[in-house]
Amino acid sequence: MTASITLSNELRRLVEARIGRTVKVIEETLNQIKETQEITLNELTVDLKSLEASFNILSQKWSLEILYTLFLKNRMRFNEIKGVLGVNSRTLSDKLKTLHKHGYIERNVEDGPPLRVEYTLTTRGKNTVLLALPLLYYSRST
C-alpha cells in the first residue's frame, strides 16, 4: 500500500493567498535593479552558468518531490520515502546521493543492529522547498 501526503485545503489556500504578494515584491526588486543597472549579455551568461548546477538538480524528476516530502515529514527512512513516492530503489538512491552531495539533505546513520539511515533537510533544502512552493502552486493553478 502506498501512503500519500496531502496538505489540507486551508494550508493550500493560505500558501496560494501569499503567492501574489511574494511575486509582486520580487518583481519590484528586480525592476529596481534593471532600472539602475544595465545587464549585459555577458553578465547574463555568467549568471546563468552559475545557476546551471542548481537548475539541473532541481529540474530532475523526483528531486523536488523528495525535498517536499522531507519538508512535510521532517525525517524519513529510505523505504518510507520510497513508499510515499512510489519510486524504484535505484532511482531513489541516486537522487538521495545527489541531493546529499549538493547540500540539500542530510543523511543520518544510526548504528544498529539494524543499521538505520534517516534523511532530513538541510537549511538549504528547507529554503529551496519554501521558495519552490509558490512556483509549484502558481504553476498548478494557472
C-alpha atoms as a PDB file:
ATOM      1  CA  MET A   1       0.000   0.000   0.000  1.00  0.00           C
ATOM      2  CA  THR A   2       1.407   3.385  -0.958  1.00  0.00           C
ATOM      3  CA  ALA A   3       0.929   6.146   1.590  1.00  0.00           C
ATOM      4  CA  SER A   4       0.206   9.624   0.352  1.00  0.00           C
ATOM      5  CA  ILE A   5       0.911  13.063   1.705  1.00  0.00           C
ATOM      6  CA  THR A   6      -1.715  15.740   1.229  1.00  0.00           C
ATOM      7  CA  LEU A   7      -1.987  19.258   2.517  1.00  0.00           C
ATOM      8  CA  SER A   8      -5.219  20.472   3.965  1.00  0.00           C
ATOM      9  CA  ASN A   9      -7.254  22.772   1.764  1.00  0.00           C
ATOM     10  CA  GLU A  10      -6.803  25.506   4.358  1.00  0.00           C
ATOM     11  CA  LEU A  11      -2.998  25.331   4.096  1.00  0.00           C
ATOM     12  CA  ARG A  12      -3.174  25.310   0.311  1.00  0.00           C
ATOM     13  CA  ARG A  13      -5.372  28.412   0.332  1.00  0.00           C
ATOM     14  CA  LEU A  14      -3.027  30.145   2.758  1.00  0.00           C
ATOM     15  CA  VAL A  15       0.027  29.449   0.599  1.00  0.00           C
ATOM     16  CA  GLU A  16      -1.759  30.469  -2.587  1.00  0.00           C
ATOM     17  CA  ALA A  17      -3.025  33.695  -0.978  1.00  0.00           C
ATOM     18  CA  ARG A  18       0.511  34.791  -0.178  1.00  0.00           C
ATOM     19  CA  ILE A  19       1.960  33.966  -3.579  1.00  0.00           C
ATOM     20  CA  GLY A  20       0.668  37.171  -5.164  1.00  0.00           C
ATOM     21  CA  ARG A  21       2.348  39.360  -2.558  1.00  0.00           C
ATOM     22  CA  THR A  22       5.611  37.440  -2.795  1.00  0.00           C
ATOM     23  CA  VAL A  23       5.717  37.621  -6.588  1.00  0.00           C
ATOM     24  CA  LYS A  24       4.941  41.348  -6.511  1.00  0.00           C
ATOM     25  CA  VAL A  25       7.820  42.088  -4.093  1.00  0.00           C
ATOM     26  CA  ILE A  26      10.270  40.019  -6.152  1.00  0.00           C
ATOM     27  CA  GLU A  27       9.148  41.748  -9.353  1.00  0.00           C
ATOM     28  CA  GLU A  28       9.551  45.202  -7.785  1.00  0.00           C
ATOM     29  CA  THR A  29      13.048  44.337  -6.584  1.00  0.00           C
ATOM     30  CA  LEU A  30      14.143  43.012  -9.965  1.00  0.00           C
ATOM     31  CA  ASN A  31      12.647  46.020 -11.747  1.00  0.00           C
ATOM     32  CA  GLN A  32      14.616  48.362  -9.460  1.00  0.00           C
ATOM     33  CA  ILE A  33      17.817  46.520 -10.311  1.00  0.00           C
ATOM     34  CA  LYS A  34      17.046  46.622 -14.038  1.00  0.00           C
ATOM     35  CA  GLU A  35      16.311  50.361 -13.857  1.00  0.00           C
ATOM     36  CA  THR A  36      19.594  51.178 -12.108  1.00  0.00           C
ATOM     37  CA  GLN A  37      21.895  48.730 -13.889  1.00  0.00           C
ATOM     38  CA  GLU A  38      22.399  47.711 -17.476  1.00  0.00           C
ATOM     39  CA  ILE A  39      22.681  43.931 -17.542  1.00  0.00           C
ATOM     40  CA  THR A  40      24.977  42.892 -20.360  1.00  0.00           C
ATOM     41  CA  LEU A  41      24.568  39.668 -22.286  1.00  0.00           C
ATOM     42  CA  ASN A  42      27.920  38.532 -20.902  1.00  0.00           C
ATOM     43  CA  GLU A  43      26.735  39.117 -17.318  1.00  0.00           C
ATOM     44  CA  LEU A  44      23.537  37.227 -18.071  1.00  0.00           C
ATOM     45  CA  THR A  45      25.540  34.321 -19.490  1.00  0.00           C
ATOM     46  CA  VAL A  46      27.818  34.213 -16.436  1.00  0.00           C
ATOM     47  CA  ASP A  47      24.807  34.372 -14.103  1.00  0.00           C
ATOM     48  CA  LEU A  48      23.055  31.508 -15.914  1.00  0.00           C
ATOM     49  CA  LYS A  49      26.240  29.413 -15.822  1.00  0.00           C
ATOM     50  CA  SER A  50      26.491  29.941 -12.054  1.00  0.00           C
ATOM     51  CA  LEU A  51      22.928  28.624 -11.659  1.00  0.00           C
ATOM     52  CA  GLU A  52      23.299  25.712 -14.075  1.00  0.00           C
ATOM     53  CA  ALA A  53      24.030  23.038 -11.434  1.00  0.00           C
ATOM     54  CA  SER A  54      21.011  24.087  -9.358  1.00  0.00           C
ATOM     55  CA  PHE A  55      18.760  24.144 -12.437  1.00  0.00           C
ATOM     56  CA  ASN A  56      19.938  20.663 -13.401  1.00  0.00           C
ATOM     57  CA  ILE A  57      19.470  19.131  -9.948  1.00  0.00           C
ATOM     58  CA  LEU A  58      16.122  20.708  -9.131  1.00  0.00           C
ATOM     59  CA  SER A  59      14.608  20.097 -12.563  1.00  0.00           C
ATOM     60  CA  GLN A  60      15.316  16.365 -12.442  1.00  0.00           C
ATOM     61  CA  LYS A  61      12.402  14.063 -11.796  1.00  0.00           C
ATOM     62  CA  TRP A  62      11.954  13.263  -8.089  1.00  0.00           C
ATOM     63  CA  SER A  63      14.266  15.988  -6.714  1.00  0.00           C
ATOM     64  CA  LEU A  64      11.578  18.445  -5.637  1.00  0.00           C
ATOM     65  CA  GLU A  65       9.237  15.606  -4.687  1.00  0.00           C
ATOM     66  CA  ILE A  66      11.864  14.240  -2.285  1.00  0.00           C
ATOM     67  CA  LEU A  67      12.561  17.669  -0.796  1.00  0.00           C
ATOM     68  CA  TYR A  68       8.841  18.416  -0.420  1.00  0.00           C
ATOM     69  CA  THR A  69       8.204  15.053   1.251  1.00  0.00           C
ATOM     70  CA  LEU A  70      11.068  15.551   3.716  1.00  0.00           C
ATOM     71  CA  PHE A  71       9.852  19.071   4.424  1.00  0.00           C
ATOM     72  CA  LEU A  72       6.416  17.794   5.424  1.00  0.00           C
ATOM     73  CA  LYS A  73       7.632  14.783   7.406  1.00  0.00           C
ATOM     74  CA  ASN A  74      10.901  16.240   8.852  1.00  0.00           C
ATOM     75  CA  ARG A  75      12.793  12.947   8.818  1.00  0.00           C
ATOM     76  CA  MET A  76      12.223   9.727   6.950  1.00  0.00           C
ATOM     77  CA  ARG A  77      13.900   6.447   6.195  1.00  0.00           C
ATOM     78  CA  PHE A  78      14.644   5.228   2.691  1.00  0.00           C
ATOM     79  CA  ASN A  79      11.710   2.797   2.490  1.00  0.00           C
ATOM     80  CA  GLU A  80       9.289   5.404   3.821  1.00  0.00           C
ATOM     81  CA  ILE A  81      10.295   7.838   1.084  1.00  0.00           C
ATOM     82  CA  LYS A  82      10.134   5.055  -1.478  1.00  0.00           C
ATOM     83  CA  GLY A  83       6.631   4.093  -0.346  1.00  0.00           C
ATOM     84  CA  VAL A  84       5.287   7.634  -0.415  1.00  0.00           C
ATOM     85  CA  LEU A  85       6.708   8.488  -3.832  1.00  0.00           C
ATOM     86  CA  GLY A  86       6.401   5.092  -5.493  1.00  0.00           C
ATOM     87  CA  VAL A  87       9.897   5.448  -6.956  1.00  0.00           C
ATOM     88  CA  ASN A  88      12.182   2.473  -7.570  1.00  0.00           C
ATOM     89  CA  SER A  89      15.080   1.853  -5.175  1.00  0.00           C
ATOM     90  CA  ARG A  90      17.906   2.600  -7.575  1.00  0.00           C
ATOM     91  CA  THR A  91      16.436   5.903  -8.713  1.00  0.00           C
ATOM     92  CA  LEU A  92      15.714   6.972  -5.148  1.00  0.00           C
ATOM     93  CA  SER A  93      19.205   6.022  -4.035  1.00  0.00           C
ATOM     94  CA  ASP A  94      20.757   8.033  -6.875  1.00  0.00           C
ATOM     95  CA  LYS A  95      18.573  11.082  -6.159  1.00  0.00           C
ATOM     96  CA  LEU A  96      19.288  10.977  -2.417  1.00  0.00           C
ATOM     97  CA  LYS A  97      23.035  10.789  -3.102  1.00  0.00           C
ATOM     98  CA  THR A  98      22.851  13.763  -5.469  1.00  0.00           C
ATOM     99  CA  LEU A  99      20.755  15.862  -3.077  1.00  0.00           C
ATOM    100  CA  HIS A 100      23.126  14.984  -0.223  1.00  0.00           C
ATOM    101  CA  LYS A 101      26.223  15.778  -2.291  1.00  0.00           C
ATOM    102  CA  HIS A 102      24.859  19.223  -3.153  1.00  0.00           C
ATOM    103  CA  GLY A 103      23.823  20.063   0.403  1.00  0.00           C
ATOM    104  CA  TYR A 104      20.035  19.793   0.195  1.00  0.00           C
ATOM    105  CA  ILE A 105      19.630  16.846   2.577  1.00  0.00           C
ATOM    106  CA  GLU A 106      21.474  15.226   5.451  1.00  0.00           C
ATOM    107  CA  ARG A 107      21.973  11.510   5.787  1.00  0.00           C
ATOM    108  CA  ASN A 108      21.901  10.417   9.431  1.00  0.00           C
ATOM    109  CA  VAL A 109      23.158   6.906  10.183  1.00  0.00           C
ATOM    110  CA  GLU A 110      22.105   5.245  13.448  1.00  0.00           C
ATOM    111  CA  ASP A 111      24.279   2.322  14.442  1.00  0.00           C
ATOM    112  CA  GLY A 112      22.433  -0.941  14.681  1.00  0.00           C
ATOM    113  CA  PRO A 113      21.724  -3.637  14.573  1.00  0.00           C
ATOM    114  CA  PRO A 114      19.868  -2.991  12.465  1.00  0.00           C
ATOM    115  CA  LEU A 115      21.652  -0.086  10.828  1.00  0.00           C
ATOM    116  CA  ARG A 116      19.153   2.734  10.250  1.00  0.00           C
ATOM    117  CA  VAL A 117      19.529   5.642   7.884  1.00  0.00           C
ATOM    118  CA  GLU A 118      17.269   8.659   8.105  1.00  0.00           C
ATOM    119  CA  TYR A 119      17.136  11.652   5.816  1.00  0.00           C
ATOM    120  CA  THR A 120      16.409  15.238   6.810  1.00  0.00           C
ATOM    121  CA  LEU A 121      16.552  18.567   5.033  1.00  0.00           C
ATOM    122  CA  THR A 122      19.402  20.975   5.496  1.00  0.00           C
ATOM    123  CA  THR A 123      18.675  24.698   5.729  1.00  0.00           C
ATOM    124  CA  ARG A 124      19.371  24.880   2.001  1.00  0.00           C
ATOM    125  CA  GLY A 125      16.858  22.110   1.350  1.00  0.00           C
ATOM    126  CA  LYS A 126      14.184  23.741   3.537  1.00  0.00           C
ATOM    127  CA  ASN A 127      14.667  27.112   1.877  1.00  0.00           C
ATOM    128  CA  THR A 128      14.516  25.519  -1.560  1.00  0.00           C
ATOM    129  CA  VAL A 129      11.158  23.920  -0.741  1.00  0.00           C
ATOM    130  CA  LEU A 130       9.819  27.169   0.691  1.00  0.00           C
ATOM    131  CA  LEU A 131      10.865  29.055  -2.421  1.00  0.00           C
ATOM    132  CA  ALA A 132       9.649  26.340  -4.802  1.00  0.00           C
ATOM    133  CA  LEU A 133       6.186  26.021  -3.251  1.00  0.00           C
ATOM    134  CA  PRO A 134       4.860  29.321  -4.585  1.00  0.00           C
ATOM    135  CA  LEU A 135       6.110  28.449  -8.066  1.00  0.00           C
ATOM    136  CA  LEU A 136       4.572  24.999  -7.920  1.00  0.00           C
ATOM    137  CA  TYR A 137       1.224  26.240  -6.606  1.00  0.00           C
ATOM    138  CA  TYR A 138       1.130  29.098  -9.075  1.00  0.00           C
ATOM    139  CA  SER A 139       2.013  26.824 -11.994  1.00  0.00           C
ATOM    140  CA  ARG A 140      -0.627  24.332 -10.928  1.00  0.00           C
ATOM    141  CA  SER A 141      -3.400  26.881 -10.603  1.00  0.00           C
ATOM    142  CA  THR A 142      -2.965  28.685 -13.935  1.00  0.00           C
END
